[in-house]
């Protein structure tokens, strides 16, 4: 089951990376945070700061919102987000 979920997550990432659809900033941040949480290898990901860059602040906020999720939960939620906004993730 875990391998199947990993394969679906990778397919969802491919779909999200290759879509031509434009999303609102909050949806893009949700994609970003779930992906980073699902793929971080060494604990909690912290994006580099550019001296008060507003985009970095929004990214940090999005990451804090998903920090309690396990990698498996983040993968599942990422797949659900792709299915909601792009289309069904096939196996």
C-alpha atoms as a PDB file:
ATOM      1  CA  UNK A   1       0.000   0.000   0.000  1.00  0.00           C
ATOM      2  CA  UNK A   2       2.817   2.407   0.849  1.00  0.00           C
ATOM      3  CA  UNK A   3       4.456   1.878  -2.572  1.00  0.00           C
ATOM      4  CA  UNK A   4       1.115   2.483  -4.279  1.00  0.00           C
ATOM      5  CA  UNK A   5       0.668   5.748  -2.366  1.00  0.00           C
ATOM      6  CA  UNK A   6       4.223   6.820  -3.260  1.00  0.00           C
ATOM      7  CA  UNK A   7       3.545   6.087  -6.944  1.00  0.00           C
ATOM      8  CA  UNK A   8       0.292   8.078  -6.815  1.00  0.00           C
ATOM      9  CA  UNK A   9       2.098  10.954  -5.087  1.00  0.00           C
ATOM     10  CA  UNK A  10       4.786  11.010  -7.800  1.00  0.00           C
ATOM     11  CA  UNK A  11       2.086  10.938 -10.497  1.00  0.00           C
ATOM     12  CA  UNK A  12       0.253  13.791  -8.748  1.00  0.00           C
ATOM     13  CA  UNK A  13       3.476  15.809  -8.607  1.00  0.00           C
ATOM     14  CA  UNK A  14       4.042  15.189 -12.314  1.00  0.00           C
ATOM     15  CA  UNK A  15       0.502  16.340 -13.086  1.00  0.00           C
ATOM     16  CA  UNK A  16       0.876  19.473 -10.957  1.00  0.00           C
ATOM     17  CA  UNK A  17       4.264  20.284 -12.476  1.00  0.00           C
ATOM     18  CA  UNK A  18       3.015  19.962 -16.041  1.00  0.00           C
ATOM     19  CA  UNK A  19      -0.368  21.657 -15.825  1.00  0.00           C
ATOM     20  CA  UNK A  20      -1.043  24.878 -17.690  1.00  0.00           C
ATOM     21  CA  UNK A  21      -3.723  25.889 -15.203  1.00  0.00           C
ATOM     22  CA  UNK A  22      -3.269  29.040 -13.171  1.00  0.00           C
ATOM     23  CA  UNK A  23      -4.113  28.860  -9.471  1.00  0.00           C
ATOM     24  CA  UNK A  24      -4.724  31.499  -6.814  1.00  0.00           C
ATOM     25  CA  UNK A  25      -1.751  32.167  -4.523  1.00  0.00           C
ATOM     26  CA  UNK A  26      -3.325  30.352  -1.564  1.00  0.00           C
ATOM     27  CA  UNK A  27      -3.726  27.154  -3.600  1.00  0.00           C
ATOM     28  CA  UNK A  28      -0.151  27.424  -4.897  1.00  0.00           C
ATOM     29  CA  UNK A  29       1.112  27.815  -1.329  1.00  0.00           C
ATOM     30  CA  UNK A  30      -0.871  24.760  -0.270  1.00  0.00           C
ATOM     31  CA  UNK A  31       0.708  22.738  -3.103  1.00  0.00           C
ATOM     32  CA  UNK A  32       4.129  24.026  -2.067  1.00  0.00           C
ATOM     33  CA  UNK A  33       3.762  23.291   1.637  1.00  0.00           C
ATOM     34  CA  UNK A  34       2.339  19.801   1.184  1.00  0.00           C
ATOM     35  CA  UNK A  35       5.032  18.886  -1.341  1.00  0.00           C
ATOM     36  CA  UNK A  36       7.830  20.158   0.905  1.00  0.00           C
ATOM     37  CA  UNK A  37       6.408  18.341   3.924  1.00  0.00           C
ATOM     38  CA  UNK A  38       6.002  15.106   1.967  1.00  0.00           C
ATOM     39  CA  UNK A  39       9.518  15.181   0.542  1.00  0.00           C
ATOM     40  CA  UNK A  40      11.652  16.687   3.320  1.00  0.00           C
ATOM     41  CA  UNK A  41      14.398  14.244   4.285  1.00  0.00           C
ATOM     42  CA  UNK A  42      15.921  15.861   7.382  1.00  0.00           C
ATOM     43  CA  UNK A  43      13.090  17.231   9.470  1.00  0.00           C
ATOM     44  CA  UNK A  44      11.178  20.447   8.955  1.00  0.00           C
ATOM     45  CA  UNK A  45      11.994  22.414   5.779  1.00  0.00           C
ATOM     46  CA  UNK A  46      12.778  26.122   6.228  1.00  0.00           C
ATOM     47  CA  UNK A  47      13.025  28.180   3.035  1.00  0.00           C
ATOM     48  CA  UNK A  48      15.902  30.627   2.707  1.00  0.00           C
ATOM     49  CA  UNK A  49      15.011  34.149   3.806  1.00  0.00           C
ATOM     50  CA  UNK A  50      15.598  37.172   1.629  1.00  0.00           C
ATOM     51  CA  UNK A  51      15.639  39.860   4.337  1.00  0.00           C
ATOM     52  CA  UNK A  52      11.921  40.192   4.894  1.00  0.00           C
ATOM     53  CA  UNK A  53      10.824  39.019   1.457  1.00  0.00           C
ATOM     54  CA  UNK A  54       7.025  38.803   1.651  1.00  0.00           C
ATOM     55  CA  UNK A  55       6.963  35.609  -0.428  1.00  0.00           C
ATOM     56  CA  UNK A  56       9.264  33.899   2.062  1.00  0.00           C
ATOM     57  CA  UNK A  57       6.926  34.932   4.869  1.00  0.00           C
ATOM     58  CA  UNK A  58       3.931  33.413   3.068  1.00  0.00           C
ATOM     59  CA  UNK A  59       5.900  30.218   2.401  1.00  0.00           C
ATOM     60  CA  UNK A  60       6.893  29.951   6.063  1.00  0.00           C
ATOM     61  CA  UNK A  61       3.290  30.421   7.138  1.00  0.00           C
ATOM     62  CA  UNK A  62       2.133  27.697   4.744  1.00  0.00           C
ATOM     63  CA  UNK A  63       4.832  25.344   6.029  1.00  0.00           C
ATOM     64  CA  UNK A  64       3.868  25.979   9.653  1.00  0.00           C
ATOM     65  CA  UNK A  65       0.290  25.030   8.807  1.00  0.00           C
ATOM     66  CA  UNK A  66       1.368  21.539   7.688  1.00  0.00           C
ATOM     67  CA  UNK A  67       4.225  20.900  10.112  1.00  0.00           C
ATOM     68  CA  UNK A  68       2.216  18.454  12.254  1.00  0.00           C
ATOM     69  CA  UNK A  69       1.412  16.218   9.284  1.00  0.00           C
ATOM     70  CA  UNK A  70       3.348  13.023   8.727  1.00  0.00           C
ATOM     71  CA  UNK A  71       4.967  12.537   5.338  1.00  0.00           C
ATOM     72  CA  UNK A  72       2.274   9.985   4.456  1.00  0.00           C
ATOM     73  CA  UNK A  73      -0.504  12.400   5.433  1.00  0.00           C
ATOM     74  CA  UNK A  74       1.117  15.177   3.378  1.00  0.00           C
ATOM     75  CA  UNK A  75       1.393  12.856   0.363  1.00  0.00           C
ATOM     76  CA  UNK A  76      -2.287  11.893   0.690  1.00  0.00           C
ATOM     77  CA  UNK A  77      -3.388  15.513   1.025  1.00  0.00           C
ATOM     78  CA  UNK A  78      -1.223  16.526  -1.946  1.00  0.00           C
ATOM     79  CA  UNK A  79      -2.906  13.844  -4.082  1.00  0.00           C
ATOM     80  CA  UNK A  80      -6.318  15.076  -2.933  1.00  0.00           C
ATOM     81  CA  UNK A  81      -5.377  18.664  -3.802  1.00  0.00           C
ATOM     82  CA  UNK A  82      -4.261  17.633  -7.292  1.00  0.00           C
ATOM     83  CA  UNK A  83      -7.481  15.683  -7.801  1.00  0.00           C
ATOM     84  CA  UNK A  84      -9.547  18.649  -6.640  1.00  0.00           C
ATOM     85  CA  UNK A  85      -7.843  21.193  -8.913  1.00  0.00           C
ATOM     86  CA  UNK A  86      -6.330  19.256 -11.828  1.00  0.00           C
ATOM     87  CA  UNK A  87      -7.874  15.819 -12.243  1.00  0.00           C
ATOM     88  CA  UNK A  88      -7.878  12.218 -11.107  1.00  0.00           C
ATOM     89  CA  UNK A  89      -4.503  10.725 -10.245  1.00  0.00           C
ATOM     90  CA  UNK A  90      -4.368   7.287 -11.837  1.00  0.00           C
ATOM     91  CA  UNK A  91      -2.221   4.478 -10.502  1.00  0.00           C
END
